[in-house]
All heavy atoms as atom14 arrays in JSON, in Angstrom:
{
  "sequence": "HGGIVRLTVTHENLADGQALHEISLGWPAVLANLKSLLETGEVLPEE",
  "atom14_mask": [
    [1, 1, 1, 1, 1, 1, 1, 1, 1, 1, 0, 0, 0, 0],
    [1, 1, 1, 1, 0, 0, 0, 0, 0, 0, 0, 0, 0, 0],
    [1, 1, 1, 1, 0, 0, 0, 0, 0, 0, 0, 0, 0, 0],
    [1, 1, 1, 1, 1, 1, 1, 1, 0, 0, 0, 0, 0, 0],
    [1, 1, 1, 1, 1, 1, 1, 0, 0, 0, 0, 0, 0, 0],
    [1, 1, 1, 1, 1, 1, 1, 1, 1, 1, 1, 0, 0, 0],
    [1, 1, 1, 1, 1, 1, 1, 1, 0, 0, 0, 0, 0, 0],
    [1, 1, 1, 1, 1, 1, 1, 0, 0, 0, 0, 0, 0, 0],
    [1, 1, 1, 1, 1, 1, 1, 0, 0, 0, 0, 0, 0, 0],
    [1, 1, 1, 1, 1, 1, 1, 0, 0, 0, 0, 0, 0, 0],
    [1, 1, 1, 1, 1, 1, 1, 1, 1, 1, 0, 0, 0, 0],
    [1, 1, 1, 1, 1, 1, 1, 1, 1, 0, 0, 0, 0, 0],
    [1, 1, 1, 1, 1, 1, 1, 1, 0, 0, 0, 0, 0, 0],
    [1, 1, 1, 1, 1, 1, 1, 1, 0, 0, 0, 0, 0, 0],
    [1, 1, 1, 1, 1, 0, 0, 0, 0, 0, 0, 0, 0, 0],
    [1, 1, 1, 1, 1, 1, 1, 1, 0, 0, 0, 0, 0, 0],
    [1, 1, 1, 1, 0, 0, 0, 0, 0, 0, 0, 0, 0, 0],
    [1, 1, 1, 1, 1, 1, 1, 1, 1, 0, 0, 0, 0, 0],
    [1, 1, 1, 1, 1, 0, 0, 0, 0, 0, 0, 0, 0, 0],
    [1, 1, 1, 1, 1, 1, 1, 1, 0, 0, 0, 0, 0, 0],
    [1, 1, 1, 1, 1, 1, 1, 1, 1, 1, 0, 0, 0, 0],
    [1, 1, 1, 1, 1, 1, 1, 1, 1, 0, 0, 0, 0, 0],
    [1, 1, 1, 1, 1, 1, 1, 1, 0, 0, 0, 0, 0, 0],
    [1, 1, 1, 1, 1, 1, 0, 0, 0, 0, 0, 0, 0, 0],
    [1, 1, 1, 1, 1, 1, 1, 1, 0, 0, 0, 0, 0, 0],
    [1, 1, 1, 1, 0, 0, 0, 0, 0, 0, 0, 0, 0, 0],
    [1, 1, 1, 1, 1, 1, 1, 1, 1, 1, 1, 1, 1, 1],
    [1, 1, 1, 1, 1, 1, 1, 0, 0, 0, 0, 0, 0, 0],
    [1, 1, 1, 1, 1, 0, 0, 0, 0, 0, 0, 0, 0, 0],
    [1, 1, 1, 1, 1, 1, 1, 0, 0, 0, 0, 0, 0, 0],
    [1, 1, 1, 1, 1, 1, 1, 1, 0, 0, 0, 0, 0, 0],
    [1, 1, 1, 1, 1, 0, 0, 0, 0, 0, 0, 0, 0, 0],
    [1, 1, 1, 1, 1, 1, 1, 1, 0, 0, 0, 0, 0, 0],
    [1, 1, 1, 1, 1, 1, 1, 1, 0, 0, 0, 0, 0, 0],
    [1, 1, 1, 1, 1, 1, 1, 1, 1, 0, 0, 0, 0, 0],
    [1, 1, 1, 1, 1, 1, 0, 0, 0, 0, 0, 0, 0, 0],
    [1, 1, 1, 1, 1, 1, 1, 1, 0, 0, 0, 0, 0, 0],
    [1, 1, 1, 1, 1, 1, 1, 1, 0, 0, 0, 0, 0, 0],
    [1, 1, 1, 1, 1, 1, 1, 1, 1, 0, 0, 0, 0, 0],
    [1, 1, 1, 1, 1, 1, 1, 0, 0, 0, 0, 0, 0, 0],
    [1, 1, 1, 1, 0, 0, 0, 0, 0, 0, 0, 0, 0, 0],
    [1, 1, 1, 1, 1, 1, 1, 1, 1, 0, 0, 0, 0, 0],
    [1, 1, 1, 1, 1, 1, 1, 0, 0, 0, 0, 0, 0, 0],
    [1, 1, 1, 1, 1, 1, 1, 1, 0, 0, 0, 0, 0, 0],
    [1, 1, 1, 1, 1, 1, 1, 0, 0, 0, 0, 0, 0, 0],
    [1, 1, 1, 1, 1, 1, 1, 1, 1, 0, 0, 0, 0, 0],
    [1, 1, 1, 1, 1, 1, 1, 1, 1, 0, 0, 0, 0, 0]
  ],
  "atom14_positions": [
    [[22.35, -90.96, -51.86], [23.69, -90.78, -52.46], [24.29, -92.17, -52.62], [24.82, -92.74, -51.67], [24.57, -89.9, -51.58], [25.96, -89.73, -52.11], [26.23, -89.0, -53.26], [27.16, -90.2, -51.67], [27.53, -89.02, -53.49], [28.12, -89.75, -52.55], [0.0, 0.0, 0.0], [0.0, 0.0, 0.0], [0.0, 0.0, 0.0], [0.0, 0.0, 0.0]],
    [[24.18, -92.73, -53.82], [24.67, -94.09, -54.04], [23.89, -95.07, -53.16], [22.67, -95.13, -53.2], [0.0, 0.0, 0.0], [0.0, 0.0, 0.0], [0.0, 0.0, 0.0], [0.0, 0.0, 0.0], [0.0, 0.0, 0.0], [0.0, 0.0, 0.0], [0.0, 0.0, 0.0], [0.0, 0.0, 0.0], [0.0, 0.0, 0.0], [0.0, 0.0, 0.0]],
    [[24.63, -95.82, -52.35], [24.0, -96.82, -51.5], [23.65, -96.34, -50.1], [23.33, -97.15, -49.23], [0.0, 0.0, 0.0], [0.0, 0.0, 0.0], [0.0, 0.0, 0.0], [0.0, 0.0, 0.0], [0.0, 0.0, 0.0], [0.0, 0.0, 0.0], [0.0, 0.0, 0.0], [0.0, 0.0, 0.0], [0.0, 0.0, 0.0], [0.0, 0.0, 0.0]],
    [[23.74, -95.02, -49.86], [23.42, -94.5, -48.54], [22.39, -93.38, -48.64], [22.16, -92.82, -49.72], [24.66, -93.98, -47.78], [25.25, -92.77, -48.51], [25.7, -95.08, -47.63], [26.36, -92.09, -47.73], [0.0, 0.0, 0.0], [0.0, 0.0, 0.0], [0.0, 0.0, 0.0], [0.0, 0.0, 0.0], [0.0, 0.0, 0.0], [0.0, 0.0, 0.0]],
    [[21.81, -93.06, -47.51], [20.86, -91.96, -47.41], [21.32, -91.02, -46.31], [21.73, -91.47, -45.23], [19.44, -92.48, -47.09], [18.55, -91.37, -46.52], [18.79, -93.07, -48.33], [0.0, 0.0, 0.0], [0.0, 0.0, 0.0], [0.0, 0.0, 0.0], [0.0, 0.0, 0.0], [0.0, 0.0, 0.0], [0.0, 0.0, 0.0], [0.0, 0.0, 0.0]],
    [[21.25, -89.73, -46.59], [21.44, -88.74, -45.53], [20.05, -88.32, -45.06], [19.27, -87.76, -45.84], [22.23, -87.53, -46.03], [22.41, -86.46, -44.94], [23.4, -85.4, -45.36], [22.95, -84.7, -46.56], [23.78, -84.06, -47.39], [25.07, -84.05, -47.17], [23.3, -83.44, -48.45], [0.0, 0.0, 0.0], [0.0, 0.0, 0.0], [0.0, 0.0, 0.0]],
    [[19.77, -88.6, -43.79], [18.48, -88.26, -43.21], [18.67, -87.06, -42.28], [19.39, -87.15, -41.29], [17.91, -89.45, -42.43], [16.63, -89.2, -41.64], [15.49, -88.76, -42.56], [16.23, -90.46, -40.87], [0.0, 0.0, 0.0], [0.0, 0.0, 0.0], [0.0, 0.0, 0.0], [0.0, 0.0, 0.0], [0.0, 0.0, 0.0], [0.0, 0.0, 0.0]],
    [[18.04, -85.95, -42.62], [18.11, -84.73, -41.81], [16.76, -84.5, -41.15], [15.73, -84.45, -41.83], [18.46, -83.51, -42.68], [19.69, -83.76, -43.36], [18.6, -82.27, -41.82], [0.0, 0.0, 0.0], [0.0, 0.0, 0.0], [0.0, 0.0, 0.0], [0.0, 0.0, 0.0], [0.0, 0.0, 0.0], [0.0, 0.0, 0.0], [0.0, 0.0, 0.0]],
    [[16.77, -84.39, -39.83], [15.54, -84.13, -39.08], [15.65, -82.74, -38.47], [16.59, -82.45, -37.73], [15.34, -85.18, -37.97], [14.07, -84.88, -37.17], [15.26, -86.58, -38.57], [0.0, 0.0, 0.0], [0.0, 0.0, 0.0], [0.0, 0.0, 0.0], [0.0, 0.0, 0.0], [0.0, 0.0, 0.0], [0.0, 0.0, 0.0], [0.0, 0.0, 0.0]],
    [[14.7, -81.9, -38.8], [14.64, -80.54, -38.26], [13.39, -80.4, -37.41], [12.29, -80.73, -37.86], [14.59, -79.5, -39.39], [15.69, -79.71, -40.28], [14.66, -78.09, -38.85], [0.0, 0.0, 0.0], [0.0, 0.0, 0.0], [0.0, 0.0, 0.0], [0.0, 0.0, 0.0], [0.0, 0.0, 0.0], [0.0, 0.0, 0.0], [0.0, 0.0, 0.0]],
    [[13.55, -79.96, -36.17], [12.41, -79.76, -35.27], [12.38, -78.27, -34.9], [13.24, -77.78, -34.19], [12.56, -80.63, -34.02], [11.27, -80.9, -33.33], [10.99, -82.06, -32.65], [10.13, -80.16, -33.2], [9.78, -82.03, -32.16], [9.24, -80.87, -32.47], [0.0, 0.0, 0.0], [0.0, 0.0, 0.0], [0.0, 0.0, 0.0], [0.0, 0.0, 0.0]],
    [[11.36, -77.57, -35.4], [11.28, -76.12, -35.24], [10.12, -75.71, -34.33], [9.23, -76.5, -34.05], [11.11, -75.45, -36.61], [12.22, -75.76, -37.6], [11.96, -75.21, -38.98], [12.35, -74.04, -39.24], [11.35, -75.92, -39.78], [0.0, 0.0, 0.0], [0.0, 0.0, 0.0], [0.0, 0.0, 0.0], [0.0, 0.0, 0.0], [0.0, 0.0, 0.0]],
    [[10.15, -74.45, -33.93], [9.08, -73.85, -33.13], [8.88, -74.57, -31.8], [7.75, -74.78, -31.35], [7.76, -73.81, -33.91], [6.84, -72.71, -33.4], [7.29, -71.63, -33.07], [5.56, -72.99, -33.35], [0.0, 0.0, 0.0], [0.0, 0.0, 0.0], [0.0, 0.0, 0.0], [0.0, 0.0, 0.0], [0.0, 0.0, 0.0], [0.0, 0.0, 0.0]],
    [[9.99, -74.96, -31.19], [9.92, -75.6, -29.88], [9.5, -74.58, -28.82], [9.77, -73.39, -28.94], [11.27, -76.21, -29.53], [11.67, -77.37, -30.45], [13.17, -77.63, -30.35], [10.89, -78.62, -30.11], [0.0, 0.0, 0.0], [0.0, 0.0, 0.0], [0.0, 0.0, 0.0], [0.0, 0.0, 0.0], [0.0, 0.0, 0.0], [0.0, 0.0, 0.0]],
    [[8.84, -75.08, -27.78], [8.22, -74.18, -26.8], [9.25, -73.36, -26.04], [9.07, -72.17, -25.81], [7.36, -74.98, -25.84], [0.0, 0.0, 0.0], [0.0, 0.0, 0.0], [0.0, 0.0, 0.0], [0.0, 0.0, 0.0], [0.0, 0.0, 0.0], [0.0, 0.0, 0.0], [0.0, 0.0, 0.0], [0.0, 0.0, 0.0], [0.0, 0.0, 0.0]],
    [[10.37, -74.02, -25.63], [11.35, -73.33, -24.8], [12.64, -74.15, -24.75], [12.77, -75.17, -25.43], [10.8, -73.11, -23.38], [10.22, -74.38, -22.77], [10.74, -75.48, -23.08], [9.26, -74.3, -21.99], [0.0, 0.0, 0.0], [0.0, 0.0, 0.0], [0.0, 0.0, 0.0], [0.0, 0.0, 0.0], [0.0, 0.0, 0.0], [0.0, 0.0, 0.0]],
    [[13.58, -73.7, -23.92], [14.85, -74.39, -23.8], [14.71, -75.8, -23.25], [15.48, -76.69, -23.62], [0.0, 0.0, 0.0], [0.0, 0.0, 0.0], [0.0, 0.0, 0.0], [0.0, 0.0, 0.0], [0.0, 0.0, 0.0], [0.0, 0.0, 0.0], [0.0, 0.0, 0.0], [0.0, 0.0, 0.0], [0.0, 0.0, 0.0], [0.0, 0.0, 0.0]],
    [[13.74, -76.02, -22.36], [13.53, -77.35, -21.81], [13.08, -78.32, -22.9], [13.54, -79.46, -22.97], [12.49, -77.31, -20.69], [12.16, -78.67, -20.07], [13.37, -79.33, -19.43], [14.27, -78.64, -18.94], [13.4, -80.66, -19.43], [0.0, 0.0, 0.0], [0.0, 0.0, 0.0], [0.0, 0.0, 0.0], [0.0, 0.0, 0.0], [0.0, 0.0, 0.0]],
    [[12.18, -77.87, -23.77], [11.74, -78.71, -24.89], [12.9, -79.02, -25.81], [13.04, -80.15, -26.31], [10.62, -78.0, -25.66], [0.0, 0.0, 0.0], [0.0, 0.0, 0.0], [0.0, 0.0, 0.0], [0.0, 0.0, 0.0], [0.0, 0.0, 0.0], [0.0, 0.0, 0.0], [0.0, 0.0, 0.0], [0.0, 0.0, 0.0], [0.0, 0.0, 0.0]],
    [[13.77, -78.05, -26.04], [14.96, -78.28, -26.87], [15.85, -79.33, -26.24], [16.37, -80.23, -26.94], [15.72, -76.97, -27.04], [17.04, -77.04, -27.81], [16.82, -77.49, -29.24], [17.75, -75.68, -27.79], [0.0, 0.0, 0.0], [0.0, 0.0, 0.0], [0.0, 0.0, 0.0], [0.0, 0.0, 0.0], [0.0, 0.0, 0.0], [0.0, 0.0, 0.0]],
    [[16.04, -79.26, -24.93], [16.87, -80.25, -24.24], [16.27, -81.65, -24.36], [16.99, -82.62, -24.64], [17.0, -79.86, -22.77], [17.69, -80.89, -21.93], [19.05, -81.14, -22.02], [17.21, -81.76, -20.99], [19.38, -82.11, -21.18], [18.28, -82.5, -20.54], [0.0, 0.0, 0.0], [0.0, 0.0, 0.0], [0.0, 0.0, 0.0], [0.0, 0.0, 0.0]],
    [[14.97, -81.76, -24.2], [14.31, -83.07, -24.23], [14.4, -83.71, -25.61], [14.7, -84.91, -25.74], [12.86, -82.94, -23.79], [12.71, -82.6, -22.31], [11.28, -82.31, -21.92], [10.41, -82.29, -22.83], [11.02, -82.1, -20.72], [0.0, 0.0, 0.0], [0.0, 0.0, 0.0], [0.0, 0.0, 0.0], [0.0, 0.0, 0.0], [0.0, 0.0, 0.0]],
    [[14.13, -82.94, -26.65], [14.18, -83.56, -27.99], [15.62, -83.78, -28.43], [15.89, -84.64, -29.27], [13.37, -82.74, -29.03], [13.98, -81.36, -29.24], [11.92, -82.63, -28.63], [14.81, -81.26, -30.46], [0.0, 0.0, 0.0], [0.0, 0.0, 0.0], [0.0, 0.0, 0.0], [0.0, 0.0, 0.0], [0.0, 0.0, 0.0], [0.0, 0.0, 0.0]],
    [[16.57, -83.05, -27.84], [17.99, -83.29, -28.15], [18.44, -84.65, -27.64], [19.39, -85.23, -28.17], [18.86, -82.2, -27.52], [18.57, -80.93, -28.07], [0.0, 0.0, 0.0], [0.0, 0.0, 0.0], [0.0, 0.0, 0.0], [0.0, 0.0, 0.0], [0.0, 0.0, 0.0], [0.0, 0.0, 0.0], [0.0, 0.0, 0.0], [0.0, 0.0, 0.0]],
    [[17.76, -85.16, -26.62], [18.04, -86.5, -26.14], [17.21, -87.54, -26.89], [17.67, -88.66, -27.14], [17.73, -86.59, -24.64], [18.54, -85.69, -23.71], [18.04, -85.81, -22.28], [20.02, -86.04, -23.77], [0.0, 0.0, 0.0], [0.0, 0.0, 0.0], [0.0, 0.0, 0.0], [0.0, 0.0, 0.0], [0.0, 0.0, 0.0], [0.0, 0.0, 0.0]],
    [[15.99, -87.18, -27.26], [15.07, -88.14, -27.86], [15.35, -88.5, -29.31], [15.38, -89.68, -29.67], [0.0, 0.0, 0.0], [0.0, 0.0, 0.0], [0.0, 0.0, 0.0], [0.0, 0.0, 0.0], [0.0, 0.0, 0.0], [0.0, 0.0, 0.0], [0.0, 0.0, 0.0], [0.0, 0.0, 0.0], [0.0, 0.0, 0.0], [0.0, 0.0, 0.0]],
    [[15.57, -87.47, -30.14], [15.74, -87.76, -31.57], [16.95, -88.64, -31.88], [16.83, -89.58, -32.67], [15.81, -86.46, -32.37], [14.47, -85.87, -32.72], [14.0, -84.63, -32.4], [13.42, -86.5, -33.47], [12.72, -84.46, -32.87], [12.34, -85.59, -33.55], [13.27, -87.74, -34.06], [11.15, -85.88, -34.2], [12.09, -88.05, -34.72], [11.05, -87.12, -34.78]],
    [[18.13, -88.39, -31.3], [19.27, -89.28, -31.6], [18.99, -90.73, -31.23], [19.41, -91.65, -31.94], [20.4, -88.69, -30.75], [20.05, -87.25, -30.59], [18.56, -87.23, -30.47], [0.0, 0.0, 0.0], [0.0, 0.0, 0.0], [0.0, 0.0, 0.0], [0.0, 0.0, 0.0], [0.0, 0.0, 0.0], [0.0, 0.0, 0.0], [0.0, 0.0, 0.0]],
    [[18.26, -90.96, -30.12], [17.95, -92.33, -29.71], [17.02, -93.0, -30.7], [17.23, -94.15, -31.12], [17.32, -92.32, -28.31], [0.0, 0.0, 0.0], [0.0, 0.0, 0.0], [0.0, 0.0, 0.0], [0.0, 0.0, 0.0], [0.0, 0.0, 0.0], [0.0, 0.0, 0.0], [0.0, 0.0, 0.0], [0.0, 0.0, 0.0], [0.0, 0.0, 0.0]],
    [[15.96, -92.3, -31.11], [15.01, -92.86, -32.07], [15.68, -93.15, -33.4], [15.5, -94.23, -33.99], [13.82, -91.89, -32.25], [12.94, -92.33, -33.42], [12.98, -91.81, -30.98], [0.0, 0.0, 0.0], [0.0, 0.0, 0.0], [0.0, 0.0, 0.0], [0.0, 0.0, 0.0], [0.0, 0.0, 0.0], [0.0, 0.0, 0.0], [0.0, 0.0, 0.0]],
    [[16.47, -92.22, -33.9], [17.09, -92.38, -35.21], [18.2, -93.43, -35.19], [18.45, -94.09, -36.2], [17.62, -91.04, -35.7], [16.52, -89.98, -35.93], [17.14, -88.64, -36.28], [15.55, -90.42, -37.01], [0.0, 0.0, 0.0], [0.0, 0.0, 0.0], [0.0, 0.0, 0.0], [0.0, 0.0, 0.0], [0.0, 0.0, 0.0], [0.0, 0.0, 0.0]],
    [[18.87, -93.61, -34.04], [19.85, -94.69, -33.94], [19.15, -96.04, -34.05], [19.67, -96.97, -34.68], [20.6, -94.6, -32.61], [0.0, 0.0, 0.0], [0.0, 0.0, 0.0], [0.0, 0.0, 0.0], [0.0, 0.0, 0.0], [0.0, 0.0, 0.0], [0.0, 0.0, 0.0], [0.0, 0.0, 0.0], [0.0, 0.0, 0.0], [0.0, 0.0, 0.0]],
    [[17.97, -96.16, -33.45], [17.21, -97.39, -33.54], [16.72, -97.64, -34.97], [16.73, -98.77, -35.47], [16.01, -97.34, -32.58], [15.96, -98.55, -31.67], [16.88, -99.35, -31.59], [14.86, -98.68, -30.95], [0.0, 0.0, 0.0], [0.0, 0.0, 0.0], [0.0, 0.0, 0.0], [0.0, 0.0, 0.0], [0.0, 0.0, 0.0], [0.0, 0.0, 0.0]],
    [[16.29, -96.58, -35.64], [15.87, -96.69, -37.05], [17.04, -97.16, -37.91], [16.9, -98.06, -38.75], [15.34, -95.35, -37.53], [14.87, -95.23, -38.99], [13.82, -94.13, -39.11], [16.03, -94.91, -39.95], [0.0, 0.0, 0.0], [0.0, 0.0, 0.0], [0.0, 0.0, 0.0], [0.0, 0.0, 0.0], [0.0, 0.0, 0.0], [0.0, 0.0, 0.0]],
    [[18.2, -96.55, -37.72], [19.4, -96.9, -38.5], [19.76, -98.37, -38.28], [20.05, -99.1, -39.24], [20.55, -95.99, -38.08], [21.89, -96.28, -38.73], [22.93, -95.29, -38.22], [24.34, -95.66, -38.68], [24.53, -95.45, -40.11], [0.0, 0.0, 0.0], [0.0, 0.0, 0.0], [0.0, 0.0, 0.0], [0.0, 0.0, 0.0], [0.0, 0.0, 0.0]],
    [[19.73, -98.82, -37.02], [20.06, -100.21, -36.72], [19.08, -101.16, -37.39], [19.48, -102.18, -37.97], [20.05, -100.43, -35.2], [20.32, -101.78, -34.89], [0.0, 0.0, 0.0], [0.0, 0.0, 0.0], [0.0, 0.0, 0.0], [0.0, 0.0, 0.0], [0.0, 0.0, 0.0], [0.0, 0.0, 0.0], [0.0, 0.0, 0.0], [0.0, 0.0, 0.0]],
    [[17.8, -100.83, -37.36], [16.78, -101.69, -37.96], [16.99, -101.83, -39.47], [16.93, -102.95, -40.01], [15.39, -101.14, -37.67], [14.22, -101.9, -38.28], [14.17, -103.34, -37.76], [12.9, -101.19, -37.99], [0.0, 0.0, 0.0], [0.0, 0.0, 0.0], [0.0, 0.0, 0.0], [0.0, 0.0, 0.0], [0.0, 0.0, 0.0], [0.0, 0.0, 0.0]],
    [[17.25, -100.73, -40.15], [17.41, -100.78, -41.6], [18.71, -101.44, -42.02], [18.77, -102.1, -43.06], [17.33, -99.37, -42.19], [15.94, -98.7, -42.15], [16.01, -97.31, -42.75], [14.91, -99.53, -42.91], [0.0, 0.0, 0.0], [0.0, 0.0, 0.0], [0.0, 0.0, 0.0], [0.0, 0.0, 0.0], [0.0, 0.0, 0.0], [0.0, 0.0, 0.0]],
    [[19.76, -101.28, -41.23], [21.06, -101.81, -41.63], [21.29, -103.25, -41.18], [22.07, -103.97, -41.81], [22.17, -100.91, -41.08], [22.18, -99.53, -41.72], [23.33, -98.66, -41.25], [23.93, -98.98, -40.2], [23.64, -97.67, -41.94], [0.0, 0.0, 0.0], [0.0, 0.0, 0.0], [0.0, 0.0, 0.0], [0.0, 0.0, 0.0], [0.0, 0.0, 0.0]],
    [[20.65, -103.67, -40.1], [20.9, -105.02, -39.57], [19.65, -105.9, -39.52], [19.75, -107.1, -39.31], [21.48, -104.95, -38.15], [20.46, -104.5, -37.23], [22.66, -103.99, -38.09], [0.0, 0.0, 0.0], [0.0, 0.0, 0.0], [0.0, 0.0, 0.0], [0.0, 0.0, 0.0], [0.0, 0.0, 0.0], [0.0, 0.0, 0.0], [0.0, 0.0, 0.0]],
    [[18.49, -105.28, -39.67], [17.24, -106.03, -39.55], [16.75, -106.14, -38.11], [15.69, -106.68, -37.85], [0.0, 0.0, 0.0], [0.0, 0.0, 0.0], [0.0, 0.0, 0.0], [0.0, 0.0, 0.0], [0.0, 0.0, 0.0], [0.0, 0.0, 0.0], [0.0, 0.0, 0.0], [0.0, 0.0, 0.0], [0.0, 0.0, 0.0], [0.0, 0.0, 0.0]],
    [[17.53, -105.58, -37.17], [17.16, -105.63, -35.76], [17.36, -104.25, -35.13], [18.28, -103.52, -35.49], [18.02, -106.65, -34.99], [17.89, -108.08, -35.49], [16.53, -108.69, -35.18], [15.87, -108.17, -34.25], [16.15, -109.66, -35.85], [0.0, 0.0, 0.0], [0.0, 0.0, 0.0], [0.0, 0.0, 0.0], [0.0, 0.0, 0.0], [0.0, 0.0, 0.0]],
    [[16.48, -103.94, -34.17], [16.68, -102.71, -33.41], [17.79, -102.93, -32.4], [18.28, -104.06, -32.22], [15.38, -102.28, -32.7], [14.3, -101.96, -33.72], [14.9, -103.36, -31.74], [0.0, 0.0, 0.0], [0.0, 0.0, 0.0], [0.0, 0.0, 0.0], [0.0, 0.0, 0.0], [0.0, 0.0, 0.0], [0.0, 0.0, 0.0], [0.0, 0.0, 0.0]],
    [[18.22, -101.89, -31.73], [19.26, -102.01, -30.7], [18.79, -102.92, -29.57], [17.58, -103.0, -29.29], [19.62, -100.63, -30.15], [20.24, -99.67, -31.18], [20.35, -98.27, -30.58], [21.59, -100.17, -31.63], [0.0, 0.0, 0.0], [0.0, 0.0, 0.0], [0.0, 0.0, 0.0], [0.0, 0.0, 0.0], [0.0, 0.0, 0.0], [0.0, 0.0, 0.0]],
    [[19.7, -103.64, -28.91], [19.3, -104.61, -27.89], [18.63, -104.0, -26.67], [17.94, -104.7, -25.93], [20.62, -105.3, -27.51], [21.7, -104.36, -27.94], [21.15, -103.65, -29.13], [0.0, 0.0, 0.0], [0.0, 0.0, 0.0], [0.0, 0.0, 0.0], [0.0, 0.0, 0.0], [0.0, 0.0, 0.0], [0.0, 0.0, 0.0], [0.0, 0.0, 0.0]],
    [[18.84, -102.72, -26.44], [18.17, -102.01, -25.35], [17.54, -100.74, -25.92], [18.03, -100.18, -26.91], [19.15, -101.64, -24.23], [19.96, -102.81, -23.68], [19.11, -103.81, -22.91], [17.99, -103.42, -22.49], [19.56, -104.95, -22.75], [0.0, 0.0, 0.0], [0.0, 0.0, 0.0], [0.0, 0.0, 0.0], [0.0, 0.0, 0.0], [0.0, 0.0, 0.0]],
    [[16.46, -100.28, -25.3], [15.85, -99.04, -25.74], [16.81, -97.87, -25.48], [17.13, -97.58, -24.33], [14.54, -98.8, -25.0], [13.46, -99.81, -25.34], [12.18, -99.53, -24.58], [12.23, -98.8, -23.56], [11.11, -100.02, -25.01], [0.0, 0.0, 0.0], [0.0, 0.0, 0.0], [0.0, 0.0, 0.0], [0.0, 0.0, 0.0], [0.0, 0.0, 0.0]]
  ]
}
């Protein structure tokens, strides 16, 4: 959309509630690092 991208990540068929909890923590962290890399040229200073 113009100069931005909307990135939607859908994770389906998860094994159980524990798997849902784990990826709910993991995906935002990974995608925040991706966003930082594309917008600034550097990943976040800490994992």
